[in-house]
Amino acid sequence: MTKVLIVDDSAFMRKMISQMISSDPAFEIVGIARNGQDAIEQAQKLMPDIITLDIEMPVMDGLTALRTIKATCHAFNPHVLMCSSLTVAASDEALKALRLGASDVIAKDPSVVGQNDAGFKSELLSKLHALGSSKATRSARAVAAAPQRTEKPSVSESFEFDPASVDAVVIGSSTGGPPVLETILASLDATLRVPVIVAQHMPELFTRSLTKRLDNICGCGATLAENGVVIDRPGVYVALGGMHLKITRVAGKRAIARTIAEHPGSVYKPSVDLLYESAASLYGDRVLAIQLTGMGEDGAKGAQLIRKAGGHVLAQEASTCVVYGMPKAVVESGSASAVLNPKQIRGVLSTLCKQSGSVSPTTGLETHQSNRRLSA
């Protein structure tokens, strides 16, 4: 059973969130805290597996508490699910929390939660299940620690290709993804030669804040891919949260973003599968897909289409994922060209800038302009 500590300054919110979590027998609520200071004390005492942590609280706010929890609770290393209000300021704070070590964020609209909304409850329990499973897997690995790796991917951990063979990059990301996106995209500068299109499972306001953050740290710039935005120029494009993104062409020429409210079979918005599917159709064997950390299997079907078209698919290495769901689905489907850690993925992406063709000083990952070889 997964142990959960609930932290919120609102008695009503504590009650509603407690009722939702208690309805699932997989979880045990071991404590309830009213502010950040209380959260630290209870976390150290109760050693929960997961902490749901409000951001705006009296006495001590959630970000301050998160820093201390991450610094003092190494022994049991709880996952932290930030509960953020649906405001621009709160979404900025939520992204900051992810950089500080929070595992995931859920948007909390008091009026919706107060109605015992089925959608919010489903999302909350899904996130808790994913984090709980991840915590159990990490604990099992620690207990069975051995000098050699216990899980060996069925694909290569090296990746060599010709950067000139890529016309576009598509990235699928979910739980734990924003900090990884910052890591792998920060090296992209104004000499980037191709568009990099990102589908991150997040609400609309969160993706706006994420785009702003990436625009500040990426030399190539970042743009929110709203409906009609031209996305065939070099740069980073982030799919609008709460909508699906499909890449299409106008009169067979310019690639543009089309946002779609619903897509059959898609559980998460934006759908990674739909992004990958449209990229395979548009770019064929000249697309590179990158599947990052996240729960579920979104992107696995689309990755198969990209590989079938002759494109490349990279999957994030398991031990570096907050939740090894989406990359695992790609690996197990046989669609992954290689399994790499974020530092290596960053090295691959840096070759798509004009100074490509050399060994990355940070990763040691060698790429060659004249040699296109996949170790798969």
Protein backbone atom coordinates (compact mmCIF):
# COMPACT_ATOMS: atom_id res chain seq x y z
CA MET A 1 0.00 0.00 0.00
CA THR A 2 1.29 3.46 -0.94
CA LYS A 3 1.54 5.91 1.96
CA VAL A 4 0.38 9.46 1.23
CA LEU A 5 0.83 12.72 3.17
CA ILE A 6 -1.60 15.51 2.21
CA VAL A 7 -0.50 19.14 2.62
CA ASP A 8 -2.91 22.05 2.08
CA ASP A 9 -3.80 25.16 4.08
CA SER A 10 -7.50 24.84 3.22
CA ALA A 11 -9.48 22.52 5.50
CA PHE A 12 -12.04 22.03 2.73
CA MET A 13 -9.39 21.08 0.17
CA ARG A 14 -7.75 18.69 2.64
CA LYS A 15 -11.12 17.03 3.18
CA MET A 16 -11.97 16.69 -0.52
CA ILE A 17 -8.51 15.42 -1.56
CA SER A 18 -8.51 12.99 1.38
CA GLN A 19 -11.89 11.58 0.33
CA MET A 20 -10.73 11.09 -3.25
CA ILE A 21 -7.53 9.33 -2.27
CA SER A 22 -9.20 7.23 0.43
CA SER A 23 -11.66 5.87 -2.14
CA ASP A 24 -8.79 3.88 -3.68
CA PRO A 25 -7.60 0.93 -1.54
CA ALA A 26 -4.11 1.19 -3.04
CA PHE A 27 -3.44 4.27 -0.89
CA GLU A 28 -3.18 4.93 2.83
CA ILE A 29 -3.31 8.51 4.09
CA VAL A 30 -0.73 8.58 6.88
CA GLY A 31 -0.97 12.28 7.70
CA ILE A 32 -2.45 15.68 6.93
CA ALA A 33 -0.47 18.93 7.21
CA ARG A 34 -1.67 22.55 7.15
CA ASN A 35 1.46 24.39 5.99
CA GLY A 36 5.01 23.84 4.80
CA GLN A 37 6.59 23.67 8.24
CA ASP A 38 4.04 21.10 9.36
CA ALA A 39 4.70 19.17 6.15
CA ILE A 40 8.43 18.94 6.84
CA GLU A 41 7.90 17.69 10.38
CA GLN A 42 5.32 15.09 9.35
CA ALA A 43 7.33 13.93 6.34
CA GLN A 44 10.38 13.27 8.49
CA LYS A 45 8.26 11.46 11.07
CA LEU A 46 5.85 9.47 8.88
CA MET A 47 8.14 8.71 5.89
CA PRO A 48 5.40 8.77 3.22
CA ASP A 49 5.87 7.42 -0.29
CA ILE A 50 4.10 10.42 -1.84
CA ILE A 51 3.38 13.94 -0.62
CA THR A 52 0.66 16.08 -2.22
CA LEU A 53 1.94 19.60 -1.60
CA ASP A 54 0.08 22.88 -1.99
CA ILE A 55 2.17 25.81 -3.24
CA GLU A 56 0.60 28.88 -1.59
CA MET A 57 0.40 28.43 2.20
CA PRO A 58 0.96 30.52 5.35
CA VAL A 59 3.89 29.98 7.77
CA MET A 60 5.92 28.29 5.02
CA ASP A 61 5.06 28.01 1.32
CA GLY A 62 5.26 24.81 -0.71
CA LEU A 63 8.47 25.65 -2.59
CA THR A 64 10.39 26.33 0.62
CA ALA A 65 9.05 23.12 2.14
CA LEU A 66 9.95 21.18 -1.01
CA ARG A 67 13.58 22.30 -0.82
CA THR A 68 13.87 21.11 2.78
CA ILE A 69 12.06 17.82 2.15
CA LYS A 70 14.37 17.04 -0.77
CA ALA A 71 17.41 17.94 1.33
CA THR A 72 16.47 15.99 4.47
CA CYS A 73 14.42 12.97 3.36
CA HIS A 74 17.03 11.06 1.32
CA ALA A 75 16.47 7.85 3.26
CA PHE A 76 12.98 7.29 1.86
CA ASN A 77 13.01 9.87 -0.98
CA PRO A 78 9.27 10.58 -1.32
CA HIS A 79 7.68 11.63 -4.58
CA VAL A 80 6.15 15.10 -4.34
CA LEU A 81 3.02 15.97 -6.33
CA MET A 82 2.55 19.74 -6.37
CA CYS A 83 -1.05 21.01 -6.26
CA SER A 84 -1.13 24.28 -8.19
CA SER A 85 -3.91 26.81 -8.71
CA LEU A 86 -4.90 27.60 -12.29
CA THR A 87 -3.22 30.99 -12.52
CA VAL A 88 -0.24 32.26 -14.50
CA ALA A 89 1.76 32.96 -11.33
CA ALA A 90 0.95 29.52 -9.91
CA SER A 91 1.95 27.78 -13.15
CA ASP A 92 5.32 29.58 -13.07
CA GLU A 93 5.79 28.41 -9.48
CA ALA A 94 4.80 24.86 -10.46
CA LEU A 95 7.54 24.71 -13.10
CA LYS A 96 10.00 26.02 -10.52
CA ALA A 97 8.89 23.20 -8.20
CA LEU A 98 9.67 20.63 -10.88
CA ARG A 99 13.18 22.06 -11.22
CA LEU A 100 13.56 21.75 -7.44
CA GLY A 101 12.73 18.05 -7.53
CA ALA A 102 8.94 17.69 -7.49
CA SER A 103 7.86 14.66 -9.50
CA ASP A 104 4.70 16.06 -11.05
CA VAL A 105 2.09 18.82 -10.85
CA ILE A 106 -1.69 18.76 -10.83
CA ALA A 107 -3.81 21.85 -11.52
CA LYS A 108 -6.20 22.48 -8.64
CA ASP A 109 -9.34 24.50 -9.31
CA PRO A 110 -11.14 24.79 -5.93
CA SER A 111 -14.55 25.15 -7.58
CA VAL A 112 -13.98 21.92 -9.54
CA VAL A 113 -12.46 19.95 -6.68
CA GLY A 114 -15.24 21.12 -4.39
CA GLN A 115 -17.81 19.46 -6.65
CA ASN A 116 -15.97 16.15 -6.31
CA ASP A 117 -15.23 16.39 -10.03
CA ALA A 118 -14.72 12.97 -11.61
CA GLY A 119 -12.13 14.29 -14.06
CA PHE A 120 -9.92 15.80 -11.34
CA LYS A 121 -10.29 12.68 -9.20
CA SER A 122 -9.30 10.42 -12.09
CA GLU A 123 -6.26 12.56 -12.90
CA LEU A 124 -5.21 12.71 -9.25
CA LEU A 125 -5.45 8.94 -8.75
CA SER A 126 -3.72 8.23 -12.07
CA LYS A 127 -0.78 10.42 -11.09
CA LEU A 128 -0.60 8.86 -7.63
CA HIS A 129 -0.67 5.34 -9.10
CA ALA A 130 2.13 6.19 -11.53
CA LEU A 131 4.27 7.73 -8.80
CA GLY A 132 3.49 4.88 -6.41
CA SER A 133 4.52 2.28 -8.98
CA SER A 134 7.70 4.22 -9.69
CA LYS A 135 8.51 4.40 -5.97
CA ALA A 136 8.00 0.64 -5.60
CA THR A 137 10.25 -0.05 -8.58
CA ARG A 138 12.99 2.20 -7.22
CA SER A 139 12.80 0.54 -3.81
CA ALA A 140 12.99 -2.94 -5.33
CA ARG A 141 16.07 -1.95 -7.30
CA ALA A 142 17.73 -0.57 -4.19
CA VAL A 143 17.09 -3.75 -2.20
CA ALA A 144 18.37 -5.94 -5.02
CA ALA A 145 21.34 -3.68 -5.77
CA ALA A 146 24.14 -5.47 -7.55
CA PRO A 147 27.35 -4.37 -9.29
CA GLN A 148 25.85 -5.04 -12.70
CA ARG A 149 22.69 -3.47 -14.09
CA THR A 150 19.52 -5.41 -13.37
CA GLU A 151 17.75 -4.16 -16.49
CA LYS A 152 19.52 -4.21 -19.82
CA PRO A 153 17.61 -2.54 -22.64
CA SER A 154 17.12 -4.58 -25.75
CA VAL A 155 18.48 -1.73 -27.88
CA SER A 156 21.81 0.04 -28.10
CA GLU A 157 22.94 2.77 -25.73
CA SER A 158 24.88 4.44 -28.53
CA PHE A 159 23.49 6.38 -31.46
CA GLU A 160 25.31 7.62 -34.53
CA PHE A 161 23.62 9.35 -37.42
CA ASP A 162 24.00 12.05 -40.04
CA PRO A 163 22.52 15.28 -38.64
CA ALA A 164 21.88 16.45 -42.20
CA SER A 165 19.39 13.59 -42.59
CA VAL A 166 16.95 15.17 -40.11
CA ASP A 167 14.39 17.81 -41.11
CA ALA A 168 12.42 17.88 -37.84
CA VAL A 169 12.50 16.67 -34.24
CA VAL A 170 9.38 15.67 -32.29
CA ILE A 171 9.43 15.10 -28.53
CA GLY A 172 6.87 13.38 -26.32
CA SER A 173 6.96 14.11 -22.58
CA SER A 174 4.81 13.72 -19.49
CA THR A 175 5.46 13.12 -15.76
CA GLY A 176 8.86 14.56 -14.83
CA GLY A 177 9.37 15.93 -18.32
CA PRO A 178 9.81 19.73 -17.98
CA PRO A 179 13.21 19.63 -16.22
CA VAL A 180 14.44 17.07 -18.78
CA LEU A 181 13.22 19.30 -21.60
CA GLU A 182 15.21 22.17 -20.13
CA THR A 183 18.30 19.95 -19.92
CA ILE A 184 18.17 18.64 -23.48
CA LEU A 185 17.03 21.85 -25.18
CA ALA A 186 19.23 24.40 -23.40
CA SER A 187 22.14 23.69 -25.74
CA LEU A 188 20.18 24.70 -28.84
CA ASP A 189 21.29 28.07 -30.19
CA ALA A 190 20.46 30.41 -33.05
CA THR A 191 22.24 28.11 -35.52
CA LEU A 192 19.64 25.34 -35.06
CA ARG A 193 18.69 24.09 -38.54
CA VAL A 194 15.35 22.34 -37.88
CA PRO A 195 12.10 22.78 -35.93
CA VAL A 196 11.83 20.93 -32.61
CA ILE A 197 8.18 20.25 -31.71
CA VAL A 198 7.23 19.25 -28.16
CA ALA A 199 4.07 17.58 -26.84
CA GLN A 200 4.12 17.85 -23.02
CA HIS A 201 1.13 16.58 -21.05
CA MET A 202 0.09 19.78 -19.23
CA PRO A 203 -2.83 22.21 -18.92
CA GLU A 204 -2.87 25.28 -21.18
CA LEU A 205 -1.50 27.79 -18.66
CA PHE A 206 1.31 25.43 -17.72
CA THR A 207 2.41 25.04 -21.35
CA ARG A 208 2.40 28.82 -21.73
CA SER A 209 4.73 29.11 -18.74
CA LEU A 210 6.87 26.26 -20.05
CA THR A 211 7.20 27.97 -23.44
CA LYS A 212 8.22 31.21 -21.78
CA ARG A 213 10.84 29.38 -19.73
CA LEU A 214 12.26 27.56 -22.76
CA ASP A 215 12.31 30.80 -24.74
CA ASN A 216 14.48 32.31 -22.00
CA ILE A 217 17.02 29.46 -21.88
CA CYS A 218 17.17 28.35 -25.53
CA GLY A 219 19.22 30.45 -27.91
CA CYS A 220 16.99 29.33 -30.77
CA GLY A 221 13.83 30.67 -29.10
CA ALA A 222 10.58 28.91 -28.21
CA THR A 223 7.02 29.46 -29.46
CA LEU A 224 3.65 28.16 -28.33
CA ALA A 225 2.24 26.09 -31.22
CA GLU A 226 -1.26 27.50 -31.30
CA ASN A 227 -3.58 26.89 -34.22
CA GLY A 228 -2.18 28.25 -37.48
CA VAL A 229 1.35 28.93 -36.21
CA VAL A 230 3.98 28.25 -38.89
CA ILE A 231 6.35 25.60 -37.53
CA ASP A 232 8.71 24.86 -40.41
CA ARG A 233 11.31 27.41 -39.30
CA PRO A 234 14.12 26.41 -36.89
CA GLY A 235 13.21 26.80 -33.21
CA VAL A 236 11.36 25.08 -30.38
CA TYR A 237 7.57 24.78 -30.65
CA VAL A 238 5.48 23.69 -27.64
CA ALA A 239 2.03 22.18 -28.19
CA LEU A 240 -0.78 24.08 -26.50
CA GLY A 241 -1.95 22.25 -23.37
CA GLY A 242 -5.49 20.93 -23.28
CA MET A 243 -5.53 20.50 -27.08
CA HIS A 244 -4.06 18.01 -29.54
CA LEU A 245 -1.44 19.14 -32.04
CA LYS A 246 -1.23 17.91 -35.62
CA ILE A 247 1.41 19.08 -38.08
CA THR A 248 0.07 19.68 -41.56
CA ARG A 249 1.03 21.58 -44.70
CA VAL A 250 -0.71 24.49 -46.40
CA ALA A 251 -0.94 23.97 -50.15
CA GLY A 252 1.77 21.35 -49.84
CA LYS A 253 4.33 23.91 -48.71
CA ARG A 254 4.55 25.49 -45.26
CA ALA A 255 4.19 23.28 -42.19
CA ILE A 256 1.70 24.70 -39.70
CA ALA A 257 0.14 23.71 -36.38
CA ARG A 258 -3.43 22.51 -36.28
CA THR A 259 -4.99 22.21 -32.83
CA ILE A 260 -7.75 19.65 -32.34
CA ALA A 261 -10.07 19.42 -29.34
CA GLU A 262 -10.61 15.65 -29.52
CA HIS A 263 -8.77 12.74 -31.09
CA PRO A 264 -10.14 9.15 -30.96
CA GLY A 265 -8.33 6.95 -28.46
CA SER A 266 -6.22 9.74 -26.98
CA VAL A 267 -6.29 9.88 -23.18
CA TYR A 268 -3.84 12.75 -22.70
CA LYS A 269 -3.73 16.22 -24.24
CA PRO A 270 -1.71 16.96 -26.26
CA SER A 271 -1.45 13.48 -27.78
CA VAL A 272 2.11 12.35 -28.43
CA ASP A 273 0.79 9.65 -30.76
CA LEU A 274 -0.96 12.23 -32.96
CA LEU A 275 2.14 14.44 -33.08
CA TYR A 276 4.33 11.47 -34.06
CA GLU A 277 1.77 10.21 -36.59
CA SER A 278 1.57 13.58 -38.35
CA ALA A 279 5.38 13.94 -38.28
CA ALA A 280 5.81 10.52 -39.89
CA SER A 281 3.37 11.53 -42.62
CA LEU A 282 5.06 14.89 -43.26
CA TYR A 283 8.74 14.11 -42.85
CA GLY A 284 8.99 10.35 -43.46
CA ASP A 285 12.51 9.07 -42.83
CA ARG A 286 13.78 12.59 -42.06
CA VAL A 287 12.25 12.87 -38.58
CA LEU A 288 13.83 12.19 -35.19
CA ALA A 289 11.49 11.38 -32.28
CA ILE A 290 12.49 11.52 -28.62
CA GLN A 291 10.33 9.76 -26.00
CA LEU A 292 10.87 11.17 -22.51
CA THR A 293 9.72 10.23 -19.01
CA GLY A 294 5.98 9.84 -18.41
CA MET A 295 3.17 7.54 -17.38
CA GLY A 296 1.15 5.47 -19.79
CA GLU A 297 1.91 4.48 -23.37
CA ASP A 298 1.18 7.67 -25.33
CA GLY A 299 3.65 7.83 -28.21
CA ALA A 300 4.24 4.09 -28.61
CA LYS A 301 1.94 3.75 -31.63
CA GLY A 302 3.23 6.92 -33.22
CA ALA A 303 6.83 5.81 -32.69
CA GLN A 304 6.09 2.62 -34.63
CA LEU A 305 4.86 4.74 -37.55
CA ILE A 306 8.01 6.86 -37.47
CA ARG A 307 10.25 3.78 -37.51
CA LYS A 308 8.15 2.26 -40.30
CA ALA A 309 8.68 5.46 -42.30
CA GLY A 310 12.44 5.13 -41.77
CA GLY A 311 12.84 7.78 -39.07
CA HIS A 312 14.72 7.47 -35.77
CA VAL A 313 13.32 7.14 -32.24
CA LEU A 314 15.27 7.71 -29.03
CA ALA A 315 13.93 6.61 -25.62
CA GLN A 316 15.01 8.03 -22.27
CA GLU A 317 16.97 5.60 -20.12
CA ALA A 318 14.96 4.04 -17.27
CA SER A 319 16.99 5.12 -14.24
CA THR A 320 16.75 8.78 -15.29
CA CYS A 321 12.93 8.75 -15.61
CA VAL A 322 10.53 9.87 -12.89
CA VAL A 323 8.10 7.37 -14.41
CA TYR A 324 9.40 4.83 -16.92
CA GLY A 325 6.08 4.32 -18.69
CA MET A 326 6.18 6.07 -22.04
CA PRO A 327 9.82 5.25 -22.88
CA LYS A 328 9.29 1.66 -21.75
CA ALA A 329 6.31 1.29 -24.10
CA VAL A 330 8.45 2.46 -27.02
CA VAL A 331 11.33 0.12 -26.12
CA GLU A 332 9.06 -2.89 -25.62
CA SER A 333 7.31 -2.26 -28.95
CA GLY A 334 10.67 -2.51 -30.69
CA SER A 335 10.51 1.06 -31.99
CA ALA A 336 13.52 2.53 -30.18
CA SER A 337 16.67 3.17 -32.18
CA ALA A 338 18.61 3.71 -28.95
CA VAL A 339 18.15 4.23 -25.22
CA LEU A 340 20.00 7.31 -23.93
CA ASN A 341 20.17 9.44 -20.80
CA PRO A 342 19.27 13.17 -20.96
CA LYS A 343 22.91 14.23 -21.22
CA GLN A 344 23.39 11.99 -24.26
CA ILE A 345 20.12 13.16 -25.82
CA ARG A 346 21.32 16.74 -25.37
CA GLY A 347 24.48 15.78 -27.23
CA VAL A 348 22.47 14.38 -30.13
CA LEU A 349 20.33 17.51 -30.38
CA SER A 350 23.36 19.80 -30.28
CA THR A 351 24.54 18.25 -33.56
CA LEU A 352 21.50 19.75 -35.26
CA CYS A 353 23.05 23.17 -34.81
CA LYS A 354 25.58 24.29 -37.43
CA GLN A 355 28.60 23.39 -35.30
CA SER A 356 27.61 19.70 -35.56
CA GLY A 357 29.89 16.81 -36.44
CA SER A 358 32.17 16.71 -33.41
CA VAL A 359 32.35 14.81 -30.14
CA SER A 360 30.22 16.56 -27.52
CA PRO A 361 32.42 17.88 -24.69
CA THR A 362 29.73 17.05 -22.12
CA THR A 363 28.58 13.65 -23.31
CA GLY A 364 31.41 12.10 -25.25
CA LEU A 365 28.75 10.98 -27.73
CA GLU A 366 30.30 10.94 -31.18
CA THR A 367 28.29 11.91 -34.23
CA HIS A 368 29.42 11.99 -37.84
CA GLN A 369 28.24 14.12 -40.73
CA SER A 370 29.23 11.40 -43.20
CA ASN A 371 28.29 8.29 -41.26
CA ARG A 372 24.69 7.33 -40.61
CA ARG A 373 24.62 4.24 -38.39
CA LEU A 374 22.01 3.10 -35.92
CA SER A 375 22.90 0.57 -33.27
CA ALA A 376 19.53 -1.04 -32.83
